[in-house]
Amino acid sequence: MATDALHASQRYVQTFTEGVIATLIGERADEREWRDRIASIRFASDETWERCNAFLFAYTVARYLAGSPRSEDDYFADGFVEAVARGASHDALEIWVRRIEFASTITGRTTQSELIGNLVTALLAAPRDSLGKEGALPPAFTEVVWLDPPSSAD
């Protein structure tokens, strides 16, 4: 029962973030506007940000980037977007988790905000006509996700 409620909540989060992202793209929002909107979502998410909502937000951004050319400058963003574009949601989750675990061992902290920032930077740099349109995006993440955060999450 709790899993059903979490799954429903996560479907709602993805639908909500899809709308937020479409609006920001449509308004040609700058980086500051993206940061402000992400910060408000992060604040509203509370504990669920580090456990699932950060990943779901990143996954949704990657859905919009799926048809864009890869930069080849950012190993994480390129691999994550490629996995999402292929519909390989488990691969995308593994890339996300491994990158955070790796960063945690090196710096002692997670990098969820940095990873999302990398994806937003890629989105802002992508040709507008290459960005996905609502209704023509790769599928949303369909599994329940609840991550154990490292000891000092961001």
C-alpha atoms as a PDB file:
ATOM      1  CA  MET A   1       0.000   0.000   0.000  1.00  0.00           C
ATOM      2  CA  ALA A   2       2.759   2.485   0.911  1.00  0.00           C
ATOM      3  CA  THR A   3       4.542   1.549  -2.322  1.00  0.00           C
ATOM      4  CA  ASP A   4       1.381   2.340  -4.304  1.00  0.00           C
ATOM      5  CA  ALA A   5       1.151   5.765  -2.666  1.00  0.00           C
ATOM      6  CA  LEU A   6       4.851   6.449  -3.318  1.00  0.00           C
ATOM      7  CA  HIS A   7       4.475   5.364  -6.938  1.00  0.00           C
ATOM      8  CA  ALA A   8       1.443   7.646  -7.407  1.00  0.00           C
ATOM      9  CA  SER A   9       3.316  10.507  -5.773  1.00  0.00           C
ATOM     10  CA  GLN A  10       6.313  10.002  -8.018  1.00  0.00           C
ATOM     11  CA  ARG A  11       4.118   9.944 -11.144  1.00  0.00           C
ATOM     12  CA  TYR A  12       2.670  13.266  -9.976  1.00  0.00           C
ATOM     13  CA  VAL A  13       6.164  14.695  -9.373  1.00  0.00           C
ATOM     14  CA  GLN A  14       7.208  13.772 -12.895  1.00  0.00           C
ATOM     15  CA  THR A  15       4.049  15.232 -14.428  1.00  0.00           C
ATOM     16  CA  PHE A  16       4.533  18.410 -12.408  1.00  0.00           C
ATOM     17  CA  THR A  17       8.227  18.745 -13.325  1.00  0.00           C
ATOM     18  CA  GLU A  18       7.449  18.070 -16.977  1.00  0.00           C
ATOM     19  CA  GLY A  19       5.102  21.059 -16.911  1.00  0.00           C
ATOM     20  CA  VAL A  20       7.638  23.232 -15.071  1.00  0.00           C
ATOM     21  CA  ILE A  21      10.358  22.368 -17.575  1.00  0.00           C
ATOM     22  CA  ALA A  22       8.056  22.980 -20.564  1.00  0.00           C
ATOM     23  CA  THR A  23       7.139  26.373 -19.118  1.00  0.00           C
ATOM     24  CA  LEU A  24      10.767  27.343 -18.494  1.00  0.00           C
ATOM     25  CA  ILE A  25      11.730  26.291 -22.025  1.00  0.00           C
ATOM     26  CA  GLY A  26       8.741  28.136 -23.486  1.00  0.00           C
ATOM     27  CA  GLU A  27       9.586  31.281 -21.553  1.00  0.00           C
ATOM     28  CA  ARG A  28      13.235  31.009 -22.614  1.00  0.00           C
ATOM     29  CA  ALA A  29      14.168  31.186 -18.935  1.00  0.00           C
ATOM     30  CA  ASP A  30      17.764  31.996 -18.105  1.00  0.00           C
ATOM     31  CA  GLU A  31      19.974  30.044 -15.722  1.00  0.00           C
ATOM     32  CA  ARG A  32      18.947  32.151 -12.722  1.00  0.00           C
ATOM     33  CA  GLU A  33      15.258  31.440 -13.352  1.00  0.00           C
ATOM     34  CA  TRP A  34      16.019  27.719 -13.592  1.00  0.00           C
ATOM     35  CA  ARG A  35      18.002  27.832 -10.340  1.00  0.00           C
ATOM     36  CA  ASP A  36      15.190  29.683  -8.584  1.00  0.00           C
ATOM     37  CA  ARG A  37      12.527  27.223  -9.743  1.00  0.00           C
ATOM     38  CA  ILE A  38      14.678  24.222  -8.840  1.00  0.00           C
ATOM     39  CA  ALA A  39      15.349  25.718  -5.404  1.00  0.00           C
ATOM     40  CA  SER A  40      11.626  26.144  -4.775  1.00  0.00           C
ATOM     41  CA  ILE A  41      10.927  22.550  -5.810  1.00  0.00           C
ATOM     42  CA  ARG A  42      13.801  21.345  -3.635  1.00  0.00           C
ATOM     43  CA  PHE A  43      12.475  23.304  -0.642  1.00  0.00           C
ATOM     44  CA  ALA A  44       8.928  21.973  -1.142  1.00  0.00           C
ATOM     45  CA  SER A  45      10.263  18.435  -1.526  1.00  0.00           C
ATOM     46  CA  ASP A  46      12.001  18.423   1.856  1.00  0.00           C
ATOM     47  CA  GLU A  47      13.405  14.912   2.523  1.00  0.00           C
ATOM     48  CA  THR A  48      12.058  13.512  -0.726  1.00  0.00           C
ATOM     49  CA  TRP A  49      14.422  15.728  -2.729  1.00  0.00           C
ATOM     50  CA  GLU A  50      17.517  13.680  -1.924  1.00  0.00           C
ATOM     51  CA  ARG A  51      15.646  10.386  -1.826  1.00  0.00           C
ATOM     52  CA  CYS A  52      13.813  10.607  -5.147  1.00  0.00           C
ATOM     53  CA  ASN A  53      12.701  14.009  -6.424  1.00  0.00           C
ATOM     54  CA  ALA A  54      16.168  15.218  -7.464  1.00  0.00           C
ATOM     55  CA  PHE A  55      16.598  12.081  -9.563  1.00  0.00           C
ATOM     56  CA  LEU A  56      13.086  12.387 -11.012  1.00  0.00           C
ATOM     57  CA  PHE A  57      13.693  16.050 -11.878  1.00  0.00           C
ATOM     58  CA  ALA A  58      17.007  15.175 -13.553  1.00  0.00           C
ATOM     59  CA  TYR A  59      15.373  12.289 -15.406  1.00  0.00           C
ATOM     60  CA  THR A  60      12.672  14.631 -16.709  1.00  0.00           C
ATOM     61  CA  VAL A  61      15.241  17.205 -17.888  1.00  0.00           C
ATOM     62  CA  ALA A  62      17.049  14.361 -19.679  1.00  0.00           C
ATOM     63  CA  ARG A  63      13.793  13.403 -21.423  1.00  0.00           C
ATOM     64  CA  TYR A  64      13.741  16.885 -22.972  1.00  0.00           C
ATOM     65  CA  LEU A  65      17.405  16.525 -23.988  1.00  0.00           C
ATOM     66  CA  ALA A  66      16.972  13.074 -25.538  1.00  0.00           C
ATOM     67  CA  GLY A  67      16.857  14.409 -29.121  1.00  0.00           C
ATOM     68  CA  SER A  68      19.646  16.946 -28.659  1.00  0.00           C
ATOM     69  CA  PRO A  69      23.218  16.456 -29.791  1.00  0.00           C
ATOM     70  CA  ARG A  70      25.518  15.264 -27.008  1.00  0.00           C
ATOM     71  CA  SER A  71      28.270  17.631 -25.896  1.00  0.00           C
ATOM     72  CA  GLU A  72      30.826  14.898 -25.180  1.00  0.00           C
ATOM     73  CA  ASP A  73      32.233  17.342 -22.608  1.00  0.00           C
ATOM     74  CA  ASP A  74      30.283  15.956 -19.655  1.00  0.00           C
ATOM     75  CA  TYR A  75      30.563  12.205 -19.168  1.00  0.00           C
ATOM     76  CA  PHE A  76      27.717  12.129 -16.656  1.00  0.00           C
ATOM     77  CA  ALA A  77      25.228  14.222 -18.663  1.00  0.00           C
ATOM     78  CA  ASP A  78      26.005  12.443 -21.927  1.00  0.00           C
ATOM     79  CA  GLY A  79      25.626   8.961 -20.422  1.00  0.00           C
ATOM     80  CA  PHE A  80      22.563   9.839 -18.367  1.00  0.00           C
ATOM     81  CA  VAL A  81      20.736  11.479 -21.288  1.00  0.00           C
ATOM     82  CA  GLU A  82      21.692   8.612 -23.598  1.00  0.00           C
ATOM     83  CA  ALA A  83      20.242   6.063 -21.150  1.00  0.00           C
ATOM     84  CA  VAL A  84      17.011   8.067 -20.843  1.00  0.00           C
ATOM     85  CA  ALA A  85      16.806   8.456 -24.638  1.00  0.00           C
ATOM     86  CA  ARG A  86      17.114   4.668 -25.041  1.00  0.00           C
ATOM     87  CA  GLY A  87      14.390   4.133 -22.454  1.00  0.00           C
ATOM     88  CA  ALA A  88      16.946   2.378 -20.249  1.00  0.00           C
ATOM     89  CA  SER A  89      15.619   3.765 -16.974  1.00  0.00           C
ATOM     90  CA  HIS A  90      17.550   1.300 -14.807  1.00  0.00           C
ATOM     91  CA  ASP A  91      20.794   2.311 -16.534  1.00  0.00           C
ATOM     92  CA  ALA A  92      19.975   5.984 -15.909  1.00  0.00           C
ATOM     93  CA  LEU A  93      19.337   5.273 -12.220  1.00  0.00           C
ATOM     94  CA  GLU A  94      22.599   3.339 -11.979  1.00  0.00           C
ATOM     95  CA  ILE A  95      24.538   6.193 -13.624  1.00  0.00           C
ATOM     96  CA  TRP A  96      22.944   8.654 -11.163  1.00  0.00           C
ATOM     97  CA  VAL A  97      23.680   6.549  -8.085  1.00  0.00           C
ATOM     98  CA  ARG A  98      27.225   5.648  -9.129  1.00  0.00           C
ATOM     99  CA  ARG A  99      28.104   9.273  -9.864  1.00  0.00           C
ATOM    100  CA  ILE A 100      26.840  10.385  -6.471  1.00  0.00           C
ATOM    101  CA  GLU A 101      28.613   7.507  -4.702  1.00  0.00           C
ATOM    102  CA  PHE A 102      31.850   8.300  -6.541  1.00  0.00           C
ATOM    103  CA  ALA A 103      31.616  12.004  -5.703  1.00  0.00           C
ATOM    104  CA  SER A 104      30.855  11.170  -2.073  1.00  0.00           C
ATOM    105  CA  THR A 105      34.030   9.123  -1.732  1.00  0.00           C
ATOM    106  CA  ILE A 106      36.124  11.899  -3.275  1.00  0.00           C
ATOM    107  CA  THR A 107      34.570  15.039  -1.786  1.00  0.00           C
ATOM    108  CA  GLY A 108      32.556  13.679   1.123  1.00  0.00           C
ATOM    109  CA  ARG A 109      29.295  15.061  -0.249  1.00  0.00           C
ATOM    110  CA  THR A 110      26.764  14.311  -2.909  1.00  0.00           C
ATOM    111  CA  THR A 111      26.425  16.355  -6.052  1.00  0.00           C
ATOM    112  CA  GLN A 112      22.747  16.127  -6.918  1.00  0.00           C
ATOM    113  CA  SER A 113      22.443  19.878  -7.452  1.00  0.00           C
ATOM    114  CA  GLU A 114      25.617  19.896  -9.540  1.00  0.00           C
ATOM    115  CA  LEU A 115      24.366  17.009 -11.674  1.00  0.00           C
ATOM    116  CA  ILE A 116      21.056  18.763 -12.260  1.00  0.00           C
ATOM    117  CA  GLY A 117      22.979  21.952 -13.003  1.00  0.00           C
ATOM    118  CA  ASN A 118      25.001  20.099 -15.654  1.00  0.00           C
ATOM    119  CA  LEU A 119      21.804  18.884 -17.300  1.00  0.00           C
ATOM    120  CA  VAL A 120      20.231  22.349 -17.214  1.00  0.00           C
ATOM    121  CA  THR A 121      23.412  23.814 -18.728  1.00  0.00           C
ATOM    122  CA  ALA A 122      23.184  21.252 -21.530  1.00  0.00           C
ATOM    123  CA  LEU A 123      19.511  22.090 -22.032  1.00  0.00           C
ATOM    124  CA  LEU A 124      20.194  25.834 -22.205  1.00  0.00           C
ATOM    125  CA  ALA A 125      22.991  25.238 -24.737  1.00  0.00           C
ATOM    126  CA  ALA A 126      20.980  22.834 -26.915  1.00  0.00           C
ATOM    127  CA  PRO A 127      19.349  24.037 -30.120  1.00  0.00           C
ATOM    128  CA  ARG A 128      15.723  24.814 -29.222  1.00  0.00           C
ATOM    129  CA  ASP A 129      14.395  22.743 -32.107  1.00  0.00           C
ATOM    130  CA  SER A 130      16.206  19.669 -30.728  1.00  0.00           C
ATOM    131  CA  LEU A 131      14.446  19.812 -27.362  1.00  0.00           C
ATOM    132  CA  GLY A 132      11.629  17.377 -26.779  1.00  0.00           C
ATOM    133  CA  LYS A 133       8.053  18.506 -26.831  1.00  0.00           C
ATOM    134  CA  GLU A 134       5.411  17.451 -24.341  1.00  0.00           C
ATOM    135  CA  GLY A 135       3.714  14.339 -25.677  1.00  0.00           C
ATOM    136  CA  ALA A 136       6.776  13.356 -27.739  1.00  0.00           C
ATOM    137  CA  LEU A 137       9.236  12.670 -24.938  1.00  0.00           C
ATOM    138  CA  PRO A 138      10.805   9.358 -23.958  1.00  0.00           C
ATOM    139  CA  PRO A 139       8.730   7.651 -21.270  1.00  0.00           C
ATOM    140  CA  ALA A 140       8.792   8.823 -17.676  1.00  0.00           C
ATOM    141  CA  PHE A 141      10.579   6.765 -15.030  1.00  0.00           C
ATOM    142  CA  THR A 142       8.086   4.043 -14.165  1.00  0.00           C
ATOM    143  CA  GLU A 143       9.582   2.320 -11.128  1.00  0.00           C
ATOM    144  CA  VAL A 144       9.412   3.407  -7.512  1.00  0.00           C
ATOM    145  CA  VAL A 145      12.685   5.002  -6.465  1.00  0.00           C
ATOM    146  CA  TRP A 146      13.716   5.740  -2.874  1.00  0.00           C
ATOM    147  CA  LEU A 147      17.433   6.273  -2.437  1.00  0.00           C
ATOM    148  CA  ASP A 148      19.439   6.115   0.756  1.00  0.00           C
ATOM    149  CA  PRO A 149      21.302   9.418   0.849  1.00  0.00           C
ATOM    150  CA  PRO A 150      25.010   9.506   1.644  1.00  0.00           C
ATOM    151  CA  SER A 151      25.903  10.939   5.020  1.00  0.00           C
ATOM    152  CA  SER A 152      25.994  14.563   3.834  1.00  0.00           C
ATOM    153  CA  ALA A 153      23.549  15.158   1.015  1.00  0.00           C
ATOM    154  CA  ASP A 154      22.882  18.394  -0.820  1.00  0.00           C
END
